[in-house]
Every structure is written in structure tokens, then in C-alpha cells.
């Protein structure tokens, strides 16, 4: 469950509350009964290591197929010579 942080608009008191995402936001300060607003805080979740970026997966499909760009151009040249009737 995430920890939400709230601050009172009246007294400035900060409150941390562990809540489900589906739970309603807190509305009332526990100390002065003023209006609370939810704060945005930093997370401790970090993605480290390889495999987390689109560029990490870009070349894996080409290596698995075993195809080389030079082989493709040779095949195209052979097809053109067959169409024109020259060898």
C-alpha cells in the first residue's frame, strides 16, 4: 500500500497515512480540524540495470534472426538479374 502525505492548509501540520489507492483522501486535519491537501512526494522506487529502456531491446530481434543486411542486398540483386534475363 502506498503512503500518502497530507498538509493542513490552516496550521501547516503534515500527516502521513498508509492507504489503498481506492480509499478516499483525508479531508480534515487531526490536530486543528482544518482542510488537508494531498502532497506529491518522491518515491524510493528506482529502475536500475539493463533492460529498462527501449534502446536495450532494439537490436535483440535482429541478432536472434541471424540476418545480415548484406545478405538481403545480394538476394535483391539476384532477383533483378532473373527479371531482366541477364546473369
Protein backbone atom coordinates (compact mmCIF):
# COMPACT_ATOMS: atom_id res chain seq x y z
CA UNK A 1 0.00 0.00 0.00
CA UNK A 2 1.28 3.48 -0.81
CA UNK A 3 1.98 6.12 1.81
CA UNK A 4 0.19 9.40 1.15
CA UNK A 5 1.36 12.68 2.64
CA UNK A 6 -1.06 15.48 3.53
CA UNK A 7 -0.55 19.05 4.74
CA UNK A 8 -3.06 21.20 6.60
CA UNK A 9 -3.91 24.50 4.93
CA UNK A 10 -4.68 26.04 8.34
CA UNK A 11 -1.84 25.06 10.72
CA UNK A 12 0.71 23.56 8.25
CA UNK A 13 0.77 20.20 10.08
CA UNK A 14 1.96 17.28 7.93
CA UNK A 15 0.38 13.85 8.17
CA UNK A 16 1.48 10.58 6.54
CA UNK A 17 -1.14 7.88 6.02
CA UNK A 18 -0.83 4.39 4.55
CA UNK A 19 -3.91 3.95 2.35
CA UNK A 20 -5.17 1.87 -0.52
CA UNK A 21 -5.36 3.59 -3.88
CA UNK A 22 -9.15 3.20 -3.80
CA UNK A 23 -9.50 4.84 -0.35
CA UNK A 24 -10.90 8.35 -0.09
CA UNK A 25 -8.44 11.19 0.58
CA UNK A 26 -8.26 12.59 4.10
CA UNK A 27 -10.17 15.85 4.41
CA UNK A 28 -9.71 17.02 8.00
CA UNK A 29 -6.53 17.77 9.99
CA UNK A 30 -6.29 15.58 13.12
CA UNK A 31 -4.90 18.45 15.25
CA UNK A 32 -6.90 21.58 14.25
CA UNK A 33 -9.71 20.12 12.08
CA UNK A 34 -8.57 22.32 9.14
CA UNK A 35 -8.63 21.33 5.48
CA UNK A 36 -5.96 18.85 4.30
CA UNK A 37 -4.45 18.74 0.83
CA UNK A 38 -2.52 15.82 -0.60
CA UNK A 39 1.17 16.43 -1.35
CA UNK A 40 3.27 14.97 -4.12
CA UNK A 41 6.35 13.32 -2.68
CA UNK A 42 9.35 11.50 -4.09
CA UNK A 43 9.32 7.77 -4.39
CA UNK A 44 12.04 5.38 -3.30
CA UNK A 45 11.38 3.14 -6.32
CA UNK A 46 14.25 3.18 -8.83
CA UNK A 47 14.83 1.22 -12.02
CA UNK A 48 18.49 0.22 -12.28
CA UNK A 49 20.41 -2.07 -14.57
CA UNK A 50 19.89 -3.04 -18.18
CA UNK A 51 16.58 -3.85 -19.77
CA UNK A 52 14.59 -0.80 -18.63
CA UNK A 53 14.93 1.34 -21.73
CA UNK A 54 13.54 0.90 -25.26
CA UNK A 55 17.07 1.05 -26.65
CA UNK A 56 18.06 -2.04 -24.64
CA UNK A 57 15.70 -4.21 -26.69
CA UNK A 58 16.14 -2.60 -30.09
CA UNK A 59 18.84 -4.89 -31.54
CA UNK A 60 17.85 -8.17 -29.88
CA UNK A 61 15.36 -9.11 -32.62
CA UNK A 62 17.96 -8.66 -35.38
CA UNK A 63 20.55 -10.79 -33.57
CA UNK A 64 18.07 -13.61 -32.95
CA UNK A 65 17.10 -13.89 -36.63
CA UNK A 66 20.73 -14.18 -37.72
CA UNK A 67 20.14 -11.98 -40.77
CA UNK A 68 22.72 -9.58 -42.08
CA UNK A 69 21.91 -6.52 -44.20
CA UNK A 70 24.50 -7.62 -46.82
CA UNK A 71 22.63 -10.92 -47.44
CA UNK A 72 19.42 -9.06 -48.20
CA UNK A 73 21.07 -6.89 -50.86
CA UNK A 74 22.57 -9.96 -52.61
CA UNK A 75 19.17 -11.61 -52.81
CA UNK A 76 17.65 -8.48 -54.32
CA UNK A 77 20.42 -8.33 -56.95
CA UNK A 78 19.76 -11.97 -57.94
CA UNK A 79 16.03 -11.29 -58.37
CA UNK A 80 16.68 -8.29 -60.61
CA UNK A 81 19.00 -10.27 -62.86
CA UNK A 82 16.36 -13.02 -63.24
CA UNK A 83 13.73 -10.48 -64.26
CA UNK A 84 15.94 -8.89 -66.92
CA UNK A 85 17.27 -12.23 -68.15
CA UNK A 86 20.94 -11.37 -67.57
CA UNK A 87 23.28 -13.37 -65.43
